[in-house]
Every structure is written in C-alpha cells, then in structure tokens.
Amino acid sequence: MSDKLFKPGQKAPKSGQYEITGPRGGGTGVERTVTRNEPLPPPEQKGQRYRLVDPTQHRRKP
C-alpha cells in the first residue's frame, strides 16, 4: 500500500484499486479501479484524494 496521495484528474501512475481518502488523509473504504495513465475520477466530496491500495499484478508471457 502506498502513502502517496493523488489528486482527482491526475493521471494514475499504475493500474489498480485506488481508495478515496478524506481531506485529512483517512480512508473512506470506497475504492475505484483505474487504468495506468487514465485520469482519476472526481471524488464524492470536495478535498478528497486517492491512494493506491492494490496495484494490478501483470504476468509476462515467456
């Protein structure tokens, strides 16, 4: 789990589950699935941000 917070509209650095955090950084329990380089969606309330909690695991084919 990452401690870095991302702003709504910012491009996601990695694909995965992003949790919406409150204005002071506490978790809300609400997650959004976002693909790498796609903008993070608008949050439910003003001042909320996103934290990557479950990055997508990619397997490379041999």
PDB file of N, CA and C in Angstrom:
ATOM      1  N   MET A   1       0.838  -1.171   0.000  1.00  0.00           N
ATOM      2  CA  MET A   1       0.000   0.000   0.000  1.00  0.00           C
ATOM      3  C   MET A   1       0.888   1.241   0.000  1.00  0.00           C
ATOM      4  N   SER A   2       0.503   2.217  -0.771  1.00  0.00           N
ATOM      5  CA  SER A   2       1.277   3.448  -0.916  1.00  0.00           C
ATOM      6  C   SER A   2       0.774   4.530   0.032  1.00  0.00           C
ATOM      7  N   ASP A   3       1.683   5.385   0.492  1.00  0.00           N
ATOM      8  CA  ASP A   3       1.298   6.513   1.331  1.00  0.00           C
ATOM      9  C   ASP A   3       1.117   7.784   0.509  1.00  0.00           C
ATOM     10  N   LYS A   4       1.464   7.733  -0.768  1.00  0.00           N
ATOM     11  CA  LYS A   4       1.365   8.907  -1.624  1.00  0.00           C
ATOM     12  C   LYS A   4      -0.093   9.133  -2.034  1.00  0.00           C
ATOM     13  N   LEU A   5      -0.519  10.391  -1.969  1.00  0.00           N
ATOM     14  CA  LEU A   5      -1.877  10.743  -2.355  1.00  0.00           C
ATOM     15  C   LEU A   5      -1.872  11.396  -3.732  1.00  0.00           C
ATOM     16  N   PHE A   6      -2.920  11.114  -4.499  1.00  0.00           N
ATOM     17  CA  PHE A   6      -3.051  11.647  -5.853  1.00  0.00           C
ATOM     18  C   PHE A   6      -4.319  12.480  -5.946  1.00  0.00           C
ATOM     19  N   LYS A   7      -4.237  13.558  -6.713  1.00  0.00           N
ATOM     20  CA  LYS A   7      -5.373  14.463  -6.888  1.00  0.00           C
ATOM     21  C   LYS A   7      -6.321  13.939  -7.963  1.00  0.00           C
ATOM     22  N   PRO A   8      -7.621  14.245  -7.842  1.00  0.00           N
ATOM     23  CA  PRO A   8      -8.569  13.896  -8.904  1.00  0.00           C
ATOM     24  C   PRO A   8      -8.151  14.567 -10.207  1.00  0.00           C
ATOM     25  N   GLY A   9      -8.276  13.860 -11.322  1.00  0.00           N
ATOM     26  CA  GLY A   9      -7.877  14.391 -12.617  1.00  0.00           C
ATOM     27  C   GLY A   9      -6.437  14.099 -12.971  1.00  0.00           C
ATOM     28  N   GLN A  10      -5.621  13.776 -11.966  1.00  0.00           N
ATOM     29  CA  GLN A  10      -4.222  13.427 -12.205  1.00  0.00           C
ATOM     30  C   GLN A  10      -4.176  12.046 -12.848  1.00  0.00           C
ATOM     31  N   LYS A  11      -3.222  11.818 -13.758  1.00  0.00           N
ATOM     32  CA  LYS A  11      -3.103  10.517 -14.401  1.00  0.00           C
ATOM     33  C   LYS A  11      -2.579   9.488 -13.407  1.00  0.00           C
ATOM     34  N   ALA A  12      -3.202   8.324 -13.397  1.00  0.00           N
ATOM     35  CA  ALA A  12      -2.799   7.248 -12.490  1.00  0.00           C
ATOM     36  C   ALA A  12      -1.425   6.712 -12.898  1.00  0.00           C
ATOM     37  N   PRO A  13      -0.470   6.632 -11.954  1.00  0.00           N
ATOM     38  CA  PRO A  13       0.857   6.135 -12.295  1.00  0.00           C
ATOM     39  C   PRO A  13       0.888   4.622 -12.528  1.00  0.00           C
ATOM     40  N   LYS A  14      -0.050   3.885 -11.928  1.00  0.00           N
ATOM     41  CA  LYS A  14      -0.140   2.431 -12.082  1.00  0.00           C
ATOM     42  C   LYS A  14      -1.601   2.022 -12.137  1.00  0.00           C
ATOM     43  N   SER A  15      -1.886   0.884 -12.773  1.00  0.00           N
ATOM     44  CA  SER A  15      -3.234   0.330 -12.773  1.00  0.00           C
ATOM     45  C   SER A  15      -3.511  -0.301 -11.422  1.00  0.00           C
ATOM     46  N   GLY A  16      -4.746  -0.218 -10.962  1.00  0.00           N
ATOM     47  CA  GLY A  16      -5.103  -0.864  -9.713  1.00  0.00           C
ATOM     48  C   GLY A  16      -6.279  -0.229  -9.021  1.00  0.00           C
ATOM     49  N   GLN A  17      -6.475  -0.616  -7.755  1.00  0.00           N
ATOM     50  CA  GLN A  17      -7.545  -0.097  -6.918  1.00  0.00           C
ATOM     51  C   GLN A  17      -7.034   1.122  -6.152  1.00  0.00           C
ATOM     52  N   TYR A  18      -7.741   2.227  -6.274  1.00  0.00           N
ATOM     53  CA  TYR A  18      -7.406   3.462  -5.577  1.00  0.00           C
ATOM     54  C   TYR A  18      -8.499   3.760  -4.563  1.00  0.00           C
ATOM     55  N   GLU A  19      -8.107   3.932  -3.290  1.00  0.00           N
ATOM     56  CA  GLU A  19      -9.067   4.262  -2.252  1.00  0.00           C
ATOM     57  C   GLU A  19      -9.226   5.778  -2.171  1.00  0.00           C
ATOM     58  N   ILE A  20     -10.458   6.227  -2.016  1.00  0.00           N
ATOM     59  CA  ILE A  20     -10.717   7.650  -1.802  1.00  0.00           C
ATOM     60  C   ILE A  20     -10.409   7.954  -0.343  1.00  0.00           C
ATOM     61  N   THR A  21      -9.622   8.989  -0.106  1.00  0.00           N
ATOM     62  CA  THR A  21      -9.278   9.392   1.255  1.00  0.00           C
ATOM     63  C   THR A  21      -9.958  10.711   1.583  1.00  0.00           C
ATOM     64  N   GLY A  22     -10.179  10.939   2.865  1.00  0.00           N
ATOM     65  CA  GLY A  22     -10.779  12.190   3.316  1.00  0.00           C
ATOM     66  C   GLY A  22      -9.789  13.332   3.230  1.00  0.00           C
ATOM     67  N   PRO A  23     -10.235  14.545   3.520  1.00  0.00           N
ATOM     68  CA  PRO A  23      -9.369  15.726   3.440  1.00  0.00           C
ATOM     69  C   PRO A  23      -8.115  15.649   4.323  1.00  0.00           C
ATOM     70  N   ARG A  24      -8.188  14.882   5.427  1.00  0.00           N
ATOM     71  CA  ARG A  24      -7.030  14.753   6.317  1.00  0.00           C
ATOM     72  C   ARG A  24      -6.263  13.448   6.088  1.00  0.00           C
ATOM     73  N   GLY A  25      -6.619  12.700   5.042  1.00  0.00           N
ATOM     74  CA  GLY A  25      -5.866  11.505   4.676  1.00  0.00           C
ATOM     75  C   GLY A  25      -6.413  10.193   5.191  1.00  0.00           C
ATOM     76  N   GLY A  26      -7.492  10.218   5.948  1.00  0.00           N
ATOM     77  CA  GLY A  26      -8.091   8.986   6.454  1.00  0.00           C
ATOM     78  C   GLY A  26      -8.856   8.260   5.364  1.00  0.00           C
ATOM     79  N   GLY A  27      -8.839   6.931   5.416  1.00  0.00           N
ATOM     80  CA  GLY A  27      -9.529   6.126   4.411  1.00  0.00           C
ATOM     81  C   GLY A  27     -11.041   6.203   4.555  1.00  0.00           C
ATOM     82  N   THR A  28     -11.741   6.104   3.434  1.00  0.00           N
ATOM     83  CA  THR A  28     -13.203   6.122   3.429  1.00  0.00           C
ATOM     84  C   THR A  28     -13.777   4.730   3.192  1.00  0.00           C
ATOM     85  N   GLY A  29     -12.945   3.787   2.725  1.00  0.00           N
ATOM     86  CA  GLY A  29     -13.422   2.454   2.404  1.00  0.00           C
ATOM     87  C   GLY A  29     -13.991   2.338   0.999  1.00  0.00           C
ATOM     88  N   VAL A  30     -14.021   3.446   0.260  1.00  0.00           N
ATOM     89  CA  VAL A  30     -14.534   3.453  -1.110  1.00  0.00           C
ATOM     90  C   VAL A  30     -13.344   3.379  -2.068  1.00  0.00           C
ATOM     91  N   GLU A  31     -13.416   2.432  -3.006  1.00  0.00           N
ATOM     92  CA  GLU A  31     -12.321   2.260  -3.963  1.00  0.00           C
ATOM     93  C   GLU A  31     -12.812   2.400  -5.391  1.00  0.00           C
ATOM     94  N   ARG A  32     -11.912   2.808  -6.255  1.00  0.00           N
ATOM     95  CA  ARG A  32     -12.174   2.917  -7.696  1.00  0.00           C
ATOM     96  C   ARG A  32     -11.071   2.178  -8.435  1.00  0.00           C
ATOM     97  N   THR A  33     -11.428   1.477  -9.497  1.00  0.00           N
ATOM     98  CA  THR A  33     -10.447   0.806 -10.340  1.00  0.00           C
ATOM     99  C   THR A  33     -10.044   1.775 -11.443  1.00  0.00           C
ATOM    100  N   VAL A  34      -8.738   2.002 -11.572  1.00  0.00           N
ATOM    101  CA  VAL A  34      -8.230   2.958 -12.559  1.00  0.00           C
ATOM    102  C   VAL A  34      -7.082   2.311 -13.330  1.00  0.00           C
ATOM    103  N   THR A  35      -7.066   2.512 -14.629  1.00  0.00           N
ATOM    104  CA  THR A  35      -6.018   2.002 -15.502  1.00  0.00           C
ATOM    105  C   THR A  35      -4.891   3.022 -15.597  1.00  0.00           C
ATOM    106  N   ARG A  36      -3.675   2.530 -15.704  1.00  0.00           N
ATOM    107  CA  ARG A  36      -2.492   3.395 -15.807  1.00  0.00           C
ATOM    108  C   ARG A  36      -2.673   4.448 -16.894  1.00  0.00           C
ATOM    109  N   ASN A  37      -2.250   5.651 -16.600  1.00  0.00           N
ATOM    110  CA  ASN A  37      -2.299   6.827 -17.487  1.00  0.00           C
ATOM    111  C   ASN A  37      -3.707   7.362 -17.755  1.00  0.00           C
ATOM    112  N   GLU A  38      -4.716   6.822 -17.077  1.00  0.00           N
ATOM    113  CA  GLU A  38      -6.069   7.371 -17.169  1.00  0.00           C
ATOM    114  C   GLU A  38      -6.247   8.370 -16.027  1.00  0.00           C
ATOM    115  N   PRO A  39      -7.057   9.420 -16.206  1.00  0.00           N
ATOM    116  CA  PRO A  39      -7.249  10.383 -15.111  1.00  0.00           C
ATOM    117  C   PRO A  39      -8.086   9.775 -13.979  1.00  0.00           C
ATOM    118  N   LEU A  40      -7.721  10.129 -12.754  1.00  0.00           N
ATOM    119  CA  LEU A  40      -8.502   9.691 -11.599  1.00  0.00           C
ATOM    120  C   LEU A  40      -9.841  10.416 -11.622  1.00  0.00           C
ATOM    121  N   PRO A  41     -10.945   9.705 -11.330  1.00  0.00           N
ATOM    122  CA  PRO A  41     -12.272  10.323 -11.438  1.00  0.00           C
ATOM    123  C   PRO A  41     -12.536  11.345 -10.339  1.00  0.00           C
ATOM    124  N   PRO A  42     -13.563  12.178 -10.527  1.00  0.00           N
ATOM    125  CA  PRO A  42     -13.923  13.141  -9.483  1.00  0.00           C
ATOM    126  C   PRO A  42     -14.348  12.394  -8.213  1.00  0.00           C
ATOM    127  N   PRO A  43     -13.962  12.885  -7.041  1.00  0.00           N
ATOM    128  CA  PRO A  43     -14.359  12.218  -5.792  1.00  0.00           C
ATOM    129  C   PRO A  43     -15.790  12.577  -5.408  1.00  0.00           C
ATOM    130  N   GLU A  44     -16.259  11.936  -4.336  1.00  0.00           N
ATOM    131  CA  GLU A  44     -17.623  12.174  -3.867  1.00  0.00           C
ATOM    132  C   GLU A  44     -17.775  13.538  -3.189  1.00  0.00           C
ATOM    133  N   GLN A  45     -16.710  13.994  -2.516  1.00  0.00           N
ATOM    134  CA  GLN A  45     -16.769  15.269  -1.806  1.00  0.00           C
ATOM    135  C   GLN A  45     -15.519  16.092  -2.081  1.00  0.00           C
ATOM    136  N   LYS A  46     -15.631  17.382  -1.894  1.00  0.00           N
ATOM    137  CA  LYS A  46     -14.505  18.291  -2.093  1.00  0.00           C
ATOM    138  C   LYS A  46     -13.387  17.970  -1.098  1.00  0.00           C
ATOM    139  N   GLY A  47     -12.147  18.054  -1.556  1.00  0.00           N
ATOM    140  CA  GLY A  47     -10.991  17.848  -0.696  1.00  0.00           C
ATOM    141  C   GLY A  47     -10.512  16.408  -0.608  1.00  0.00           C
ATOM    142  N   GLN A  48     -11.246  15.474  -1.212  1.00  0.00           N
ATOM    143  CA  GLN A  48     -10.833  14.081  -1.164  1.00  0.00           C
ATOM    144  C   GLN A  48      -9.757  13.807  -2.211  1.00  0.00           C
ATOM    145  N   ARG A  49      -8.909  12.824  -1.922  1.00  0.00           N
ATOM    146  CA  ARG A  49      -7.839  12.416  -2.829  1.00  0.00           C
ATOM    147  C   ARG A  49      -7.829  10.907  -2.950  1.00  0.00           C
ATOM    148  N   TYR A  50      -6.848  10.382  -3.670  1.00  0.00           N
ATOM    149  CA  TYR A  50      -6.762   8.946  -3.900  1.00  0.00           C
ATOM    150  C   TYR A  50      -5.440   8.387  -3.409  1.00  0.00           C
ATOM    151  N   ARG A  51      -5.489   7.120  -2.947  1.00  0.00           N
ATOM    152  CA  ARG A  51      -4.293   6.383  -2.514  1.00  0.00           C
ATOM    153  C   ARG A  51      -4.346   5.008  -3.177  1.00  0.00           C
ATOM    154  N   LEU A  52      -3.243   4.605  -3.815  1.00  0.00           N
ATOM    155  CA  LEU A  52      -3.163   3.280  -4.435  1.00  0.00           C
ATOM    156  C   LEU A  52      -3.081   2.236  -3.334  1.00  0.00           C
ATOM    157  N   VAL A  53      -4.062   1.328  -3.267  1.00  0.00           N
ATOM    158  CA  VAL A  53      -4.081   0.315  -2.215  1.00  0.00           C
ATOM    159  C   VAL A  53      -3.854  -1.096  -2.744  1.00  0.00           C
ATOM    160  N   ASP A  54      -4.129  -1.344  -4.026  1.00  0.00           N
ATOM    161  CA  ASP A  54      -3.964  -2.692  -4.581  1.00  0.00           C
ATOM    162  C   ASP A  54      -3.555  -2.592  -6.052  1.00  0.00           C
ATOM    163  N   PRO A  55      -2.233  -2.520  -6.322  1.00  0.00           N
ATOM    164  CA  PRO A  55      -1.799  -2.438  -7.713  1.00  0.00           C
ATOM    165  C   PRO A  55      -2.101  -3.727  -8.461  1.00  0.00           C
ATOM    166  N   THR A  56      -2.405  -3.599  -9.744  1.00  0.00           N
ATOM    167  CA  THR A  56      -2.675  -4.757 -10.596  1.00  0.00           C
ATOM    168  C   THR A  56      -1.378  -5.517 -10.830  1.00  0.00           C
ATOM    169  N   GLN A  57      -1.458  -6.847 -10.713  1.00  0.00           N
ATOM    170  CA  GLN A  57      -0.307  -7.707 -10.966  1.00  0.00           C
ATOM    171  C   GLN A  57      -0.333  -8.165 -12.411  1.00  0.00           C
ATOM    172  N   HIS A  58       0.718  -7.895 -13.148  1.00  0.00           N
ATOM    173  CA  HIS A  58       0.806  -8.296 -14.544  1.00  0.00           C
ATOM    174  C   HIS A  58       1.823  -9.432 -14.669  1.00  0.00           C
ATOM    175  N   ARG A  59       1.445 -10.460 -15.395  1.00  0.00           N
ATOM    176  CA  ARG A  59       2.377 -11.557 -15.655  1.00  0.00           C
ATOM    177  C   ARG A  59       2.841 -11.455 -17.107  1.00  0.00           C
ATOM    178  N   ARG A  60       4.132 -11.607 -17.286  1.00  0.00           N
ATOM    179  CA  ARG A  60       4.678 -11.576 -18.647  1.00  0.00           C
ATOM    180  C   ARG A  60       4.721 -12.995 -19.200  1.00  0.00           C
ATOM    181  N   LYS A  61       4.323 -13.135 -20.433  1.00  0.00           N
ATOM    182  CA  LYS A  61       4.358 -14.450 -21.077  1.00  0.00           C
ATOM    183  C   LYS A  61       5.786 -14.749 -21.512  1.00  0.00           C
ATOM    184  N   PRO A  62       6.253 -15.990 -21.311  1.00  0.00           N
ATOM    185  CA  PRO A  62       7.637 -16.338 -21.700  1.00  0.00           C
ATOM    186  C   PRO A  62       7.846 -16.366 -23.186  1.00  0.00           C
TER     187      PRO A  62
END
